[in-house]
Amino acid sequence: MIDEGDKVMVCLSGGKDSYTMLDMLLSLRSHAPIHFDIIAVNLDQKHPGFPEDILPEYLKSLNIPFHIIERDTYSIVKRVIPEGKTMCGLCSRMRRGILYKTAKTLGVTKIALGHHREDILETFFLNMFHGGRLKAMPPKLKSDNGEHIVIRPLAYCKERDIAAHAEIKAFPIIPCDLCGSQDGLQRQQVKAILDGWEASSPGRRQVLFKSLTNARPSHLLDEKLFDFSGLVRSNPAEDK
């Protein structure tokens, strides 16, 4: 995921996942056989009551460079999305655009996001149930315009392990009071389904996750991935 000379923009939300990602990358940098730089970036979306001092103080204590972006996306989301409707889609699109623009301005070569195993599984089922497509979130991704490389260092990590690490390290967690606080989200519904499967069949999540690394295009139905119409038997001459 990380190469010699990279400048990695670590996106911090103030949640357990992004804190753990930063902690892991700082540890990796201290003993990795390559050199890479880290800059922490937080997008202050102007949520009411957001504690603006927590992240800057924490990052100063680590003595690492950081950048705080201030954009009032909260007001836009509240104005555009009707009461009771899911805010995540618009919020995430605006956030992604701002982070990509910031990455270009700062001259970073990799953008690190804190998605973990459960995030990837939930996204896979959300896309299948509601989008009619087999799509998840890969550990390494090139943006649609080709200008950015996104990495997910926690892609193979279990959420419960991240939570345990965050508790041990006593990170100054900042709760999300917009997207993550809404009731009845489709992601919450998928999470409940996965929780139920895991409870009835322990290890189910890991098996499902492994399936994402073991695709068989010839056993699906996507003609763009496999030439079904061009299939022929191996040795038709044997019939003569």
Protein backbone atom coordinates (compact mmCIF):
# COMPACT_ATOMS: atom_id res chain seq x y z
CA MET A 1 0.00 0.00 0.00
CA ILE A 2 2.85 2.39 0.82
CA ASP A 3 5.97 2.95 -1.27
CA GLU A 4 9.30 4.64 -0.75
CA GLY A 5 8.94 8.43 -0.61
CA ASP A 6 5.15 8.46 -0.24
CA LYS A 7 3.39 11.33 1.46
CA VAL A 8 0.37 9.76 3.14
CA MET A 9 -2.65 11.86 4.05
CA VAL A 10 -4.30 10.17 7.03
CA CYS A 11 -7.95 11.19 7.18
CA LEU A 12 -9.08 11.61 10.78
CA SER A 13 -12.71 11.80 11.81
CA GLY A 14 -12.12 11.55 15.54
CA GLY A 15 -13.54 8.03 15.70
CA LYS A 16 -11.87 4.83 16.90
CA ASP A 17 -11.06 3.64 13.39
CA SER A 18 -9.14 6.68 12.18
CA TYR A 19 -7.28 7.05 15.48
CA THR A 20 -6.21 3.40 15.27
CA MET A 21 -5.16 3.82 11.63
CA LEU A 22 -2.97 6.81 12.50
CA ASP A 23 -1.46 4.97 15.46
CA MET A 24 -0.68 1.95 13.28
CA LEU A 25 0.89 4.01 10.49
CA LEU A 26 3.05 5.97 12.93
CA SER A 27 4.25 2.68 14.40
CA LEU A 28 4.92 1.30 10.92
CA ARG A 29 6.86 4.39 9.90
CA SER A 30 9.18 4.04 12.90
CA HIS A 31 10.53 0.66 11.77
CA ALA A 32 9.58 0.25 8.10
CA PRO A 33 12.44 -0.45 5.66
CA ILE A 34 11.24 2.50 3.55
CA HIS A 35 10.78 6.19 4.24
CA PHE A 36 7.38 7.84 3.99
CA ASP A 37 5.82 10.98 5.43
CA ILE A 38 2.51 11.36 7.22
CA ILE A 39 0.19 14.34 7.39
CA ALA A 40 -3.03 14.08 9.38
CA VAL A 41 -6.10 15.81 7.95
CA ASN A 42 -9.46 16.43 9.60
CA LEU A 43 -12.53 17.85 7.90
CA ASP A 44 -14.45 20.03 10.37
CA GLN A 45 -17.95 19.92 8.88
CA LYS A 46 -19.30 22.41 11.41
CA HIS A 47 -21.59 20.03 13.25
CA PRO A 48 -23.20 21.88 16.18
CA GLY A 49 -21.24 21.23 19.33
CA PHE A 50 -18.23 19.74 17.53
CA PRO A 51 -15.24 20.04 19.92
CA GLU A 52 -12.79 21.85 17.66
CA ASP A 53 -9.87 21.69 20.09
CA ILE A 54 -9.65 17.91 20.66
CA LEU A 55 -7.98 16.79 17.44
CA PRO A 56 -5.50 19.71 17.14
CA GLU A 57 -4.38 19.21 20.73
CA TYR A 58 -4.01 15.46 20.25
CA LEU A 59 -2.05 15.85 17.01
CA LYS A 60 0.21 18.48 18.57
CA SER A 61 1.01 15.98 21.33
CA LEU A 62 2.18 13.52 18.65
CA ASN A 63 4.37 16.18 17.06
CA ILE A 64 3.21 15.40 13.53
CA PRO A 65 2.08 17.81 10.80
CA PHE A 66 -1.67 18.20 10.44
CA HIS A 67 -4.22 20.23 8.53
CA ILE A 68 -7.76 21.12 9.62
CA ILE A 69 -10.24 21.84 6.81
CA GLU A 70 -13.28 23.92 7.76
CA ARG A 71 -16.33 23.44 5.52
CA ASP A 72 -19.93 23.89 6.61
CA THR A 73 -21.26 20.75 4.91
CA TYR A 74 -23.60 20.19 7.87
CA SER A 75 -25.82 23.12 6.93
CA ILE A 76 -25.91 22.00 3.29
CA VAL A 77 -26.93 18.45 4.19
CA LYS A 78 -29.61 19.65 6.63
CA ARG A 79 -30.99 22.05 4.02
CA VAL A 80 -31.01 19.65 1.07
CA ILE A 81 -32.01 16.34 2.70
CA PRO A 82 -35.62 16.14 3.98
CA GLU A 83 -36.09 15.40 7.68
CA GLY A 84 -35.96 11.68 8.32
CA LYS A 85 -34.14 10.83 5.09
CA THR A 86 -30.65 9.34 5.03
CA MET A 87 -27.92 11.98 4.98
CA CYS A 88 -24.94 9.66 4.40
CA GLY A 89 -24.91 9.72 0.59
CA LEU A 90 -24.68 13.47 0.12
CA CYS A 91 -22.42 13.91 3.14
CA SER A 92 -19.92 11.29 1.94
CA ARG A 93 -19.83 12.68 -1.63
CA MET A 94 -19.09 16.19 -0.42
CA ARG A 95 -16.52 14.91 2.06
CA ARG A 96 -14.76 12.84 -0.62
CA GLY A 97 -14.60 15.81 -3.00
CA ILE A 98 -13.13 18.08 -0.33
CA LEU A 99 -10.55 15.49 0.72
CA TYR A 100 -9.48 14.83 -2.88
CA LYS A 101 -9.04 18.54 -3.51
CA THR A 102 -7.03 18.89 -0.29
CA ALA A 103 -4.83 15.93 -1.23
CA LYS A 104 -3.97 17.62 -4.51
CA THR A 105 -3.22 20.92 -2.77
CA LEU A 106 -0.97 19.25 -0.19
CA GLY A 107 0.84 17.17 -2.79
CA VAL A 108 0.14 13.83 -1.13
CA THR A 109 0.63 10.54 -2.97
CA LYS A 110 -1.69 8.31 -0.93
CA ILE A 111 -4.97 9.00 0.89
CA ALA A 112 -5.51 6.69 3.87
CA LEU A 113 -9.07 5.94 5.01
CA GLY A 114 -10.05 4.03 8.13
CA HIS A 115 -12.48 1.46 6.72
CA HIS A 116 -12.24 -2.00 8.32
CA ARG A 117 -13.46 -5.50 7.52
CA GLU A 118 -17.03 -4.89 8.68
CA ASP A 119 -17.28 -1.66 6.67
CA ILE A 120 -16.25 -3.56 3.54
CA LEU A 121 -18.73 -6.39 4.13
CA GLU A 122 -21.59 -4.00 4.87
CA THR A 123 -20.81 -2.00 1.72
CA PHE A 124 -20.79 -5.19 -0.35
CA PHE A 125 -24.28 -6.17 0.84
CA LEU A 126 -25.60 -2.61 0.54
CA ASN A 127 -24.50 -2.50 -3.10
CA MET A 128 -26.01 -5.91 -3.75
CA PHE A 129 -29.32 -5.32 -1.93
CA HIS A 130 -29.91 -1.72 -3.02
CA GLY A 131 -27.72 -1.18 -6.09
CA GLY A 132 -27.94 -4.49 -7.89
CA ARG A 133 -24.16 -4.84 -8.24
CA LEU A 134 -21.29 -6.82 -6.73
CA LYS A 135 -19.03 -4.10 -5.36
CA ALA A 136 -17.22 -3.51 -2.09
CA MET A 137 -14.25 -1.33 -1.04
CA PRO A 138 -10.78 -2.60 -2.02
CA PRO A 139 -7.71 -2.09 0.19
CA LYS A 140 -6.15 0.00 -2.61
CA LEU A 141 -8.05 2.03 -5.17
CA LYS A 142 -7.37 4.55 -7.93
CA SER A 143 -9.89 7.39 -8.01
CA ASP A 144 -12.17 7.68 -11.04
CA ASN A 145 -10.20 10.60 -12.44
CA GLY A 146 -6.93 8.73 -11.93
CA GLU A 147 -5.38 11.49 -9.81
CA HIS A 148 -5.45 9.78 -6.41
CA ILE A 149 -4.56 6.45 -4.81
CA VAL A 150 -6.75 5.58 -1.82
CA ILE A 151 -5.53 3.00 0.68
CA ARG A 152 -7.39 1.31 3.54
CA PRO A 153 -4.75 0.04 5.99
CA LEU A 154 -7.42 -1.47 8.28
CA ALA A 155 -9.18 -3.40 5.50
CA TYR A 156 -8.34 -6.80 6.99
CA CYS A 157 -8.87 -5.76 10.62
CA LYS A 158 -11.91 -6.77 12.67
CA GLU A 159 -13.92 -3.93 14.16
CA ARG A 160 -13.92 -5.52 17.61
CA ASP A 161 -10.10 -5.60 17.59
CA ILE A 162 -9.98 -1.94 16.60
CA ALA A 163 -12.43 -1.07 19.39
CA ALA A 164 -10.30 -2.96 21.91
CA HIS A 165 -7.16 -1.17 20.72
CA ALA A 166 -8.87 2.22 20.94
CA GLU A 167 -10.00 1.50 24.49
CA ILE A 168 -6.52 0.47 25.58
CA LYS A 169 -4.97 3.56 24.00
CA ALA A 170 -7.73 5.81 25.43
CA PHE A 171 -8.08 7.87 22.27
CA PRO A 172 -10.12 11.09 22.68
CA ILE A 173 -13.10 9.83 20.67
CA ILE A 174 -15.39 12.40 19.05
CA PRO A 175 -18.88 10.96 18.35
CA CYS A 176 -20.62 11.67 15.03
CA ASP A 177 -23.95 13.44 15.56
CA LEU A 178 -25.03 13.52 11.90
CA CYS A 179 -24.84 10.44 9.65
CA GLY A 180 -23.92 7.84 12.24
CA SER A 181 -26.58 8.98 14.67
CA GLN A 182 -29.59 8.46 12.40
CA ASP A 183 -32.01 5.62 13.09
CA GLY A 184 -33.12 3.12 10.47
CA LEU A 185 -30.13 3.50 8.16
CA GLN A 186 -29.75 0.79 5.52
CA ARG A 187 -26.21 0.19 6.80
CA GLN A 188 -27.57 -0.42 10.30
CA GLN A 189 -30.03 -2.93 8.87
CA VAL A 190 -27.27 -4.79 7.04
CA LYS A 191 -25.13 -4.73 10.17
CA ALA A 192 -28.00 -6.30 12.12
CA ILE A 193 -28.28 -9.06 9.48
CA LEU A 194 -24.56 -9.79 9.71
CA ASP A 195 -24.72 -9.76 13.51
CA GLY A 196 -27.52 -12.30 13.38
CA TRP A 197 -25.60 -14.57 11.01
CA GLU A 198 -22.49 -14.32 13.18
CA ALA A 199 -24.48 -15.17 16.31
CA SER A 200 -26.06 -18.26 14.74
CA SER A 201 -22.88 -19.35 12.94
CA PRO A 202 -19.68 -17.98 14.52
CA GLY A 203 -17.05 -17.18 11.92
CA ARG A 204 -19.58 -16.34 9.21
CA ARG A 205 -18.18 -12.83 8.73
CA GLN A 206 -14.69 -14.16 8.06
CA VAL A 207 -16.02 -16.67 5.51
CA LEU A 208 -17.99 -13.93 3.75
CA PHE A 209 -14.95 -11.67 3.75
CA LYS A 210 -12.78 -14.45 2.31
CA SER A 211 -15.28 -14.86 -0.54
CA LEU A 212 -14.48 -11.30 -1.67
CA THR A 213 -10.90 -12.45 -2.30
CA ASN A 214 -11.96 -15.59 -4.15
CA ALA A 215 -14.17 -14.51 -7.07
CA ARG A 216 -15.00 -16.81 -9.99
CA PRO A 217 -16.11 -14.64 -12.95
CA SER A 218 -16.94 -17.74 -15.01
CA HIS A 219 -19.55 -18.69 -12.41
CA LEU A 220 -21.27 -15.33 -12.32
CA LEU A 221 -23.34 -13.68 -15.06
CA ASP A 222 -21.34 -10.60 -16.03
CA GLU A 223 -20.48 -10.87 -19.74
CA LYS A 224 -18.06 -7.94 -19.40
CA LEU A 225 -15.89 -10.07 -17.10
CA PHE A 226 -16.17 -13.38 -18.90
CA ASP A 227 -16.77 -14.34 -22.52
CA PHE A 228 -19.66 -16.76 -22.12
CA SER A 229 -20.69 -16.54 -25.78
CA GLY A 230 -17.21 -17.54 -26.89
CA LEU A 231 -17.11 -20.77 -24.88
CA VAL A 232 -16.31 -23.96 -26.83
CA ARG A 233 -15.50 -27.48 -25.76
CA SER A 234 -11.81 -28.26 -25.38
CA ASN A 235 -11.54 -31.22 -27.76
CA PRO A 236 -14.51 -31.38 -30.15
CA ALA A 237 -12.40 -33.52 -32.50
CA GLU A 238 -12.70 -36.44 -30.07
CA ASP A 239 -16.35 -36.82 -31.10
CA LYS A 240 -15.36 -37.94 -34.62
